[in-house]
């Protein structure tokens, strides 16, 4: 079980690094540089990037969901009754679902989400901000002490006579 836990953590962290790193690369490097090329070349570049990136995004989402669920199930026994842990994890999961939606919308073909693709840099910024919040929450949850459960002490009253 130990090695499966290690493998799951590695898959989760590596996948998150790849997806967030790719998003940051597109936001801070590719998009600004791509504005200097002619419109036809820009369109060809974006179609090629989107085609390749789509496979990585969809595979990454699947890996993050699977490894995240496994990691969550393994951590639960250590955090029973720890409401702060569950609240922070809930926020982290909601942020991750937001990122999954935006990433899928940006690489998708749905005409209903074309407005998001037209403002790609705005949505990539939102992804980077949400990912930063997830990393912050994860770092805090990982190093904070797990609250000690106090056992209820039975009252020491003497029986009445």
Foldseek 3Di string as FASTA:
>chain_A
DVVVLVVLVCLQVVLLCVLLVVLCCCQPPVVVVLVPDDPVVSVVVVLVVLVVVLVSLVVSLVSNVVSVVVNCVVCVVLAVVVVVLVVLVVLLVVLVVLLSVLSCLCSDDDPVSVVSVVVVNVSSVSNNVSSVSNVVSVVCSVPDDRDDDDDDDDDPDDDDD
